Every structure is written in C-alpha cells, then in structure tokens.
C-alpha cells in the first residue's frame, strides 16, 4: 500500500508524491505512518521527517506544523520545510554551531524570551543539519 503525501509550506510545495512510509516528528515523539493508518490529526515539532520513496529514504527538515492522515492521504502543513538534498551541509553545520553557542549564552542569562528564541533557533539548525546528513551531538 502506498500513501499520497503532500508537504506544503507557506511559500512552496516541498513534496507531492507517493511514499511507502513516512516518519514524522510529532510533538509527542516520532510517529510512523504506513498505508491503511487510522485517521489522525497531529501537531508536528521542529525536526526531520523521513519519506520512504521507491525504497530510498528522503529527509525533509520541518519547522513545526500539523499533519492530517486520512484514507492513505497525508497532508502536512508546516511553517517551513527544506529537503535534505537541497541543504548545504557545511553552511548548516556552521549555523548549528552558532546556534549552540547562542543557546549556551542565553541559558546562563535571565532573559526568558532570549532563552526561548535561542532554543527554537537551535532546534531549527539541528533539524536542517540532520536532514542534510550531518552528525549532531
């Protein structure tokens, strides 16, 4: 059984094709979806979605959103997304290192808003680096 999967960001359609399986970064943990899955609406966290298409796994960095699964149709609406094969791994690594430094600095301070912004930036850069195939500590 296959799934019809669509990943839609505000500015573009990231994926619109069949898949044998997907793994989503839901807010409650990783969620695997195969054909015949029960209807579901779930919130998505910042993280990496993996799509099994023709026996290849394709990583897509998601920046949070929602997924709706019904009758082998998966519609994913996200704040932003990027396919791993379109991400410059070296630039992603540098951005992740900078975000990690910013997070360490923010955690030592008293500004709650700065801590939250640093944590979100860190999660975004981590997802992009993972999707690009980079190793993350």
N, C-alpha and C. Protein backbone atom coordinates (compact mmCIF):
# COMPACT_ATOMS: atom_id res chain seq x y z
N UNK A 1 0.83 -1.19 0.00
CA UNK A 1 0.00 0.00 0.00
C UNK A 1 0.87 1.25 0.00
N UNK A 2 0.45 2.24 -0.71
CA UNK A 2 1.20 3.49 -0.74
C UNK A 2 0.36 4.61 -0.15
N UNK A 3 1.06 5.65 0.20
CA UNK A 3 0.44 6.86 0.73
C UNK A 3 0.62 7.97 -0.29
N UNK A 4 -0.34 8.85 -0.39
CA UNK A 4 -0.18 10.08 -1.16
C UNK A 4 0.19 11.16 -0.15
N UNK A 5 1.40 11.68 -0.27
CA UNK A 5 1.94 12.61 0.73
C UNK A 5 2.15 13.99 0.11
N UNK A 6 1.68 15.00 0.82
CA UNK A 6 1.90 16.39 0.43
C UNK A 6 2.47 17.15 1.62
N UNK A 7 3.58 17.83 1.38
CA UNK A 7 4.18 18.70 2.40
C UNK A 7 4.11 20.11 1.83
N UNK A 8 3.37 20.96 2.50
CA UNK A 8 3.13 22.31 1.99
C UNK A 8 3.59 23.34 3.02
N UNK A 9 4.51 24.20 2.59
CA UNK A 9 4.99 25.33 3.39
C UNK A 9 4.29 26.58 2.86
N UNK A 10 4.34 27.69 3.58
CA UNK A 10 3.66 28.91 3.11
C UNK A 10 4.10 29.38 1.73
N UNK A 11 5.36 29.16 1.38
CA UNK A 11 5.88 29.71 0.12
C UNK A 11 6.06 28.69 -1.00
N UNK A 12 5.91 27.38 -0.69
CA UNK A 12 6.09 26.38 -1.74
C UNK A 12 5.60 25.01 -1.31
N UNK A 13 5.39 24.14 -2.31
CA UNK A 13 5.07 22.74 -2.06
C UNK A 13 6.40 21.99 -2.05
N UNK A 14 6.73 21.37 -0.95
CA UNK A 14 8.01 20.70 -0.76
C UNK A 14 7.96 19.27 -1.31
N UNK A 15 6.85 18.60 -1.13
CA UNK A 15 6.72 17.20 -1.56
C UNK A 15 5.27 16.96 -1.98
N UNK A 16 5.08 16.30 -3.09
CA UNK A 16 3.74 15.92 -3.55
C UNK A 16 3.90 14.66 -4.40
N UNK A 17 3.94 13.50 -3.72
CA UNK A 17 4.19 12.26 -4.42
C UNK A 17 3.77 11.09 -3.54
N UNK A 18 3.91 9.89 -4.09
CA UNK A 18 3.63 8.69 -3.32
C UNK A 18 4.80 8.38 -2.39
N UNK A 19 4.49 7.62 -1.37
CA UNK A 19 5.51 7.12 -0.45
C UNK A 19 5.03 5.79 0.12
N UNK A 20 5.96 4.93 0.46
CA UNK A 20 5.59 3.67 1.08
C UNK A 20 5.43 3.84 2.60
N UNK A 21 6.14 4.83 3.14
CA UNK A 21 6.14 5.02 4.60
C UNK A 21 6.68 6.41 4.89
N UNK A 22 6.22 7.02 5.98
CA UNK A 22 6.81 8.27 6.46
C UNK A 22 7.00 8.19 7.97
N UNK A 23 7.98 8.94 8.43
CA UNK A 23 8.21 9.08 9.87
C UNK A 23 8.16 10.57 10.16
N UNK A 24 7.27 10.95 11.07
CA UNK A 24 7.04 12.36 11.38
C UNK A 24 7.56 12.71 12.77
N UNK A 25 8.07 13.95 12.93
CA UNK A 25 8.47 14.42 14.26
C UNK A 25 7.28 15.07 14.97
N UNK A 26 6.40 14.26 15.55
CA UNK A 26 5.24 14.84 16.23
C UNK A 26 5.68 15.45 17.56
N UNK A 27 4.81 16.22 18.15
CA UNK A 27 5.15 16.86 19.42
C UNK A 27 5.24 15.86 20.58
N UNK A 28 4.76 14.64 20.34
CA UNK A 28 4.83 13.61 21.38
C UNK A 28 5.85 12.52 21.06
N UNK A 29 6.64 12.72 20.01
CA UNK A 29 7.66 11.75 19.63
C UNK A 29 7.56 11.37 18.16
N UNK A 30 8.42 10.47 17.72
CA UNK A 30 8.42 10.03 16.33
C UNK A 30 7.16 9.22 16.05
N UNK A 31 6.58 9.44 14.88
CA UNK A 31 5.33 8.79 14.51
C UNK A 31 5.49 8.18 13.13
N UNK A 32 5.37 6.86 13.03
CA UNK A 32 5.48 6.17 11.74
C UNK A 32 4.11 6.00 11.11
N UNK A 33 4.03 6.26 9.80
CA UNK A 33 2.77 6.15 9.08
C UNK A 33 2.96 5.21 7.89
N UNK A 34 2.13 4.18 7.81
CA UNK A 34 2.09 3.25 6.68
C UNK A 34 0.70 3.32 6.05
N UNK A 35 0.54 2.71 4.88
CA UNK A 35 -0.77 2.64 4.25
C UNK A 35 -1.77 1.97 5.18
N UNK A 36 -3.01 2.41 5.15
CA UNK A 36 -4.04 1.85 5.99
C UNK A 36 -4.06 2.40 7.41
N UNK A 37 -3.29 3.46 7.67
CA UNK A 37 -3.23 4.06 9.02
C UNK A 37 -4.60 4.64 9.38
N UNK A 38 -4.93 4.58 10.64
CA UNK A 38 -6.18 5.17 11.14
C UNK A 38 -6.15 6.68 10.95
N UNK A 39 -7.31 7.31 10.76
CA UNK A 39 -7.35 8.78 10.63
C UNK A 39 -6.70 9.43 11.86
N UNK A 40 -5.97 10.51 11.60
CA UNK A 40 -5.21 11.16 12.67
C UNK A 40 -4.93 12.61 12.31
N UNK A 41 -5.00 13.47 13.30
CA UNK A 41 -4.57 14.85 13.17
C UNK A 41 -3.57 15.07 14.30
N UNK A 42 -2.34 15.50 13.97
CA UNK A 42 -1.31 15.65 14.99
C UNK A 42 -0.50 16.91 14.76
N UNK A 43 -0.04 17.50 15.85
CA UNK A 43 0.87 18.65 15.78
C UNK A 43 2.27 18.11 15.53
N UNK A 44 3.04 18.87 14.74
CA UNK A 44 4.42 18.48 14.43
C UNK A 44 5.40 19.41 15.11
N UNK A 45 6.49 18.86 15.57
CA UNK A 45 7.56 19.61 16.19
C UNK A 45 8.59 19.98 15.12
N UNK A 46 9.53 20.79 15.49
CA UNK A 46 10.67 21.06 14.62
C UNK A 46 11.52 19.79 14.61
N UNK A 47 11.81 19.28 13.44
CA UNK A 47 12.58 18.05 13.35
C UNK A 47 12.65 17.55 11.92
N UNK A 48 13.07 16.31 11.77
CA UNK A 48 13.27 15.73 10.44
C UNK A 48 12.18 14.70 10.17
N UNK A 49 11.49 14.90 9.05
CA UNK A 49 10.54 13.93 8.53
C UNK A 49 11.32 13.03 7.56
N UNK A 50 11.03 11.76 7.57
CA UNK A 50 11.68 10.86 6.63
C UNK A 50 10.60 10.21 5.76
N UNK A 51 10.83 10.24 4.45
CA UNK A 51 9.89 9.70 3.48
C UNK A 51 10.56 8.53 2.76
N UNK A 52 9.92 7.35 2.80
CA UNK A 52 10.45 6.21 2.04
C UNK A 52 9.74 6.20 0.70
N UNK A 53 10.51 6.54 -0.32
CA UNK A 53 10.00 6.65 -1.69
C UNK A 53 10.85 5.76 -2.59
N UNK A 54 10.22 4.73 -3.18
CA UNK A 54 10.95 3.78 -4.03
C UNK A 54 12.16 3.19 -3.29
N UNK A 55 11.95 2.85 -2.05
CA UNK A 55 12.97 2.22 -1.19
C UNK A 55 14.15 3.11 -0.84
N UNK A 56 14.08 4.41 -1.13
CA UNK A 56 15.07 5.37 -0.67
C UNK A 56 14.43 6.24 0.41
N UNK A 57 15.22 6.57 1.44
CA UNK A 57 14.74 7.44 2.50
C UNK A 57 15.14 8.87 2.17
N UNK A 58 14.17 9.76 2.12
CA UNK A 58 14.42 11.17 1.80
C UNK A 58 14.11 12.00 3.05
N UNK A 59 15.12 12.69 3.60
CA UNK A 59 14.89 13.51 4.78
C UNK A 59 14.40 14.91 4.40
N UNK A 60 13.46 15.40 5.18
CA UNK A 60 12.93 16.76 4.99
C UNK A 60 12.90 17.43 6.36
N UNK A 61 13.57 18.57 6.48
CA UNK A 61 13.56 19.33 7.73
C UNK A 61 12.24 20.07 7.82
N UNK A 62 11.48 19.84 8.90
CA UNK A 62 10.21 20.52 9.13
C UNK A 62 10.36 21.51 10.27
N UNK A 63 9.72 22.66 10.12
CA UNK A 63 9.80 23.71 11.15
C UNK A 63 8.50 23.84 11.93
N UNK A 64 7.89 22.71 12.23
CA UNK A 64 6.65 22.70 13.01
C UNK A 64 5.43 22.87 12.13
N UNK A 65 4.31 22.34 12.56
CA UNK A 65 3.07 22.46 11.81
C UNK A 65 2.09 21.38 12.23
N UNK A 66 1.33 20.88 11.25
CA UNK A 66 0.31 19.87 11.51
C UNK A 66 0.31 18.83 10.40
N UNK A 67 -0.10 17.61 10.75
CA UNK A 67 -0.26 16.54 9.76
C UNK A 67 -1.66 15.96 9.92
N UNK A 68 -2.31 15.72 8.79
CA UNK A 68 -3.61 15.08 8.76
C UNK A 68 -3.49 13.82 7.93
N UNK A 69 -3.88 12.70 8.52
CA UNK A 69 -3.83 11.41 7.84
C UNK A 69 -5.25 10.90 7.73
N UNK A 70 -5.67 10.57 6.50
CA UNK A 70 -7.00 10.01 6.29
C UNK A 70 -7.03 9.29 4.95
N UNK A 71 -7.45 8.03 4.98
CA UNK A 71 -7.62 7.22 3.76
C UNK A 71 -6.38 7.24 2.86
N UNK A 72 -5.22 6.96 3.43
CA UNK A 72 -3.95 6.91 2.70
C UNK A 72 -3.56 8.24 2.06
N UNK A 73 -4.13 9.32 2.54
CA UNK A 73 -3.77 10.68 2.14
C UNK A 73 -3.13 11.35 3.35
N UNK A 74 -1.93 11.89 3.17
CA UNK A 74 -1.24 12.57 4.25
C UNK A 74 -0.98 14.00 3.80
N UNK A 75 -1.61 14.94 4.48
CA UNK A 75 -1.40 16.36 4.20
C UNK A 75 -0.66 16.98 5.37
N UNK A 76 0.48 17.57 5.06
CA UNK A 76 1.34 18.15 6.09
C UNK A 76 1.49 19.63 5.79
N UNK A 77 0.99 20.44 6.70
CA UNK A 77 1.10 21.89 6.59
C UNK A 77 2.10 22.37 7.61
N UNK A 78 3.16 23.03 7.13
CA UNK A 78 4.25 23.40 8.02
C UNK A 78 4.60 24.89 7.90
N UNK A 79 5.25 25.39 8.93
CA UNK A 79 5.71 26.79 8.94
C UNK A 79 6.86 26.99 7.98
N UNK A 80 7.61 25.95 7.72
CA UNK A 80 8.73 25.97 6.81
C UNK A 80 9.26 24.55 6.65
N UNK A 81 9.90 24.28 5.54
CA UNK A 81 10.45 22.95 5.29
C UNK A 81 11.52 23.04 4.22
N UNK A 82 12.43 22.06 4.25
CA UNK A 82 13.51 22.03 3.27
C UNK A 82 13.97 20.59 3.10
N UNK A 83 14.05 20.15 1.86
CA UNK A 83 14.56 18.81 1.60
C UNK A 83 16.04 18.75 1.93
N UNK A 84 16.46 17.63 2.51
CA UNK A 84 17.84 17.47 2.91
C UNK A 84 18.84 17.59 1.77
N UNK A 85 18.46 17.14 0.58
CA UNK A 85 19.38 17.20 -0.56
C UNK A 85 19.54 18.61 -1.13
N UNK A 86 18.79 19.56 -0.61
CA UNK A 86 18.90 20.95 -1.07
C UNK A 86 19.61 21.84 -0.04
N UNK A 87 20.07 21.23 1.05
CA UNK A 87 20.72 21.97 2.13
C UNK A 87 22.23 21.82 2.00
N UNK A 88 22.95 22.93 2.08
CA UNK A 88 24.41 22.93 2.10
C UNK A 88 24.86 22.45 3.48
N UNK A 89 25.46 21.26 3.53
CA UNK A 89 25.81 20.65 4.81
C UNK A 89 26.80 21.50 5.61
N UNK A 90 27.79 22.08 4.94
CA UNK A 90 28.79 22.88 5.65
C UNK A 90 28.15 24.15 6.23
N UNK A 91 27.31 24.81 5.46
CA UNK A 91 26.63 26.02 5.97
C UNK A 91 25.69 25.65 7.12
N UNK A 92 25.03 24.50 7.01
CA UNK A 92 24.14 24.05 8.07
C UNK A 92 24.93 23.75 9.34
N UNK A 93 26.11 23.16 9.20
CA UNK A 93 26.95 22.86 10.37
C UNK A 93 27.39 24.15 11.07
N UNK A 94 27.83 25.14 10.28
CA UNK A 94 28.24 26.42 10.87
C UNK A 94 27.08 27.11 11.58
N UNK A 95 25.91 27.10 10.96
CA UNK A 95 24.73 27.72 11.58
C UNK A 95 24.37 27.00 12.88
N UNK A 96 24.50 25.67 12.89
CA UNK A 96 24.18 24.90 14.09
C UNK A 96 25.17 25.22 15.22
N UNK A 97 26.44 25.34 14.88
CA UNK A 97 27.45 25.67 15.90
C UNK A 97 27.18 27.05 16.49
N UNK A 98 26.82 28.01 15.65
CA UNK A 98 26.50 29.36 16.13
C UNK A 98 25.26 29.33 17.03
N UNK A 99 24.25 28.58 16.62
CA UNK A 99 23.02 28.49 17.42
C UNK A 99 23.29 27.82 18.76
N UNK A 100 24.20 26.84 18.78
CA UNK A 100 24.55 26.16 20.02
C UNK A 100 25.25 27.13 20.98
N UNK A 101 26.15 27.96 20.45
CA UNK A 101 26.84 28.97 21.28
C UNK A 101 25.83 29.98 21.84
N UNK A 102 24.92 30.42 20.97
CA UNK A 102 23.89 31.39 21.40
C UNK A 102 23.02 30.78 22.50
N UNK A 103 22.67 29.50 22.36
CA UNK A 103 21.85 28.84 23.37
C UNK A 103 22.59 28.74 24.70
N UNK A 104 23.86 28.38 24.67
CA UNK A 104 24.64 28.28 25.90
C UNK A 104 24.73 29.64 26.60
N UNK A 105 24.91 30.69 25.82
CA UNK A 105 24.97 32.04 26.39
C UNK A 105 23.62 32.42 26.99
N UNK A 106 22.54 32.15 26.27
CA UNK A 106 21.20 32.51 26.73
C UNK A 106 20.81 31.75 28.00
N UNK A 107 21.21 30.49 28.08
CA UNK A 107 20.86 29.69 29.26
C UNK A 107 21.54 30.21 30.52
N UNK A 108 22.65 30.90 30.37
CA UNK A 108 23.34 31.47 31.51
C UNK A 108 22.75 32.81 31.96
N UNK A 109 21.85 33.37 31.18
CA UNK A 109 21.26 34.67 31.49
C UNK A 109 19.88 34.55 32.12
N UNK A 110 19.26 35.72 32.32
CA UNK A 110 17.96 35.78 32.98
C UNK A 110 16.81 36.10 32.01
N UNK A 111 17.12 36.40 30.75
CA UNK A 111 16.10 36.80 29.79
C UNK A 111 15.38 35.57 29.23
N UNK A 112 14.13 35.35 29.67
CA UNK A 112 13.36 34.19 29.25
C UNK A 112 13.08 34.19 27.75
N UNK A 113 12.75 35.35 27.21
CA UNK A 113 12.46 35.44 25.78
C UNK A 113 13.69 35.07 24.95
N UNK A 114 14.84 35.52 25.38
CA UNK A 114 16.08 35.19 24.67
C UNK A 114 16.36 33.68 24.73
N UNK A 115 16.08 33.06 25.87
CA UNK A 115 16.28 31.62 26.02
C UNK A 115 15.37 30.85 25.06
N UNK A 116 14.11 31.27 24.97
CA UNK A 116 13.16 30.59 24.09
C UNK A 116 13.57 30.75 22.63
N UNK A 117 13.95 31.95 22.24
CA UNK A 117 14.36 32.20 20.86
C UNK A 117 15.62 31.40 20.51
N UNK A 118 16.55 31.33 21.45
CA UNK A 118 17.79 30.57 21.21
C UNK A 118 17.49 29.08 21.08
N UNK A 119 16.57 28.56 21.90
CA UNK A 119 16.20 27.15 21.85
C UNK A 119 15.54 26.81 20.51
N UNK A 120 14.65 27.67 20.03
CA UNK A 120 13.98 27.44 18.74
C UNK A 120 15.00 27.50 17.60
N UNK A 121 15.89 28.47 17.63
CA UNK A 121 16.93 28.58 16.60
C UNK A 121 17.82 27.34 16.60
N UNK A 122 18.15 26.86 17.79
CA UNK A 122 18.97 25.65 17.91
C UNK A 122 18.26 24.44 17.31
N UNK A 123 16.96 24.27 17.62
CA UNK A 123 16.20 23.15 17.08
C UNK A 123 16.09 23.23 15.56
N UNK A 124 15.92 24.43 15.03
CA UNK A 124 15.82 24.61 13.57
C UNK A 124 17.14 24.23 12.88
N UNK A 125 18.25 24.73 13.42
CA UNK A 125 19.54 24.43 12.79
C UNK A 125 19.89 22.95 12.94
N UNK A 126 19.49 22.36 14.05
CA UNK A 126 19.72 20.92 14.26
C UNK A 126 18.95 20.10 13.23
N UNK A 127 17.69 20.45 12.99
CA UNK A 127 16.87 19.73 12.01
C UNK A 127 17.46 19.86 10.61
N UNK A 128 17.90 21.07 10.25
CA UNK A 128 18.49 21.27 8.92
C UNK A 128 19.77 20.45 8.76
N UNK A 129 20.62 20.44 9.80
CA UNK A 129 21.87 19.69 9.73
C UNK A 129 21.60 18.19 9.64
N UNK A 130 20.67 17.69 10.43
CA UNK A 130 20.31 16.27 10.36
C UNK A 130 19.76 15.90 8.99
N UNK A 131 18.89 16.73 8.44
CA UNK A 131 18.30 16.45 7.13
C UNK A 131 19.37 16.45 6.04
N UNK A 132 20.40 17.30 6.21
CA UNK A 132 21.49 17.37 5.22
C UNK A 132 22.44 16.18 5.35
N UNK A 133 22.26 15.37 6.39
CA UNK A 133 23.11 14.20 6.58
C UNK A 133 24.26 14.42 7.52
N UNK A 134 24.25 15.55 8.23
CA UNK A 134 25.31 15.85 9.19
C UNK A 134 25.06 15.19 10.53
N UNK A 135 26.13 14.88 11.21
CA UNK A 135 26.03 14.29 12.54
C UNK A 135 25.85 15.39 13.56
N UNK A 136 24.99 15.13 14.53
CA UNK A 136 24.72 16.09 15.59
C UNK A 136 24.99 15.43 16.92
N UNK A 137 25.64 16.18 17.82
CA UNK A 137 25.94 15.63 19.16
C UNK A 137 24.68 15.44 19.94
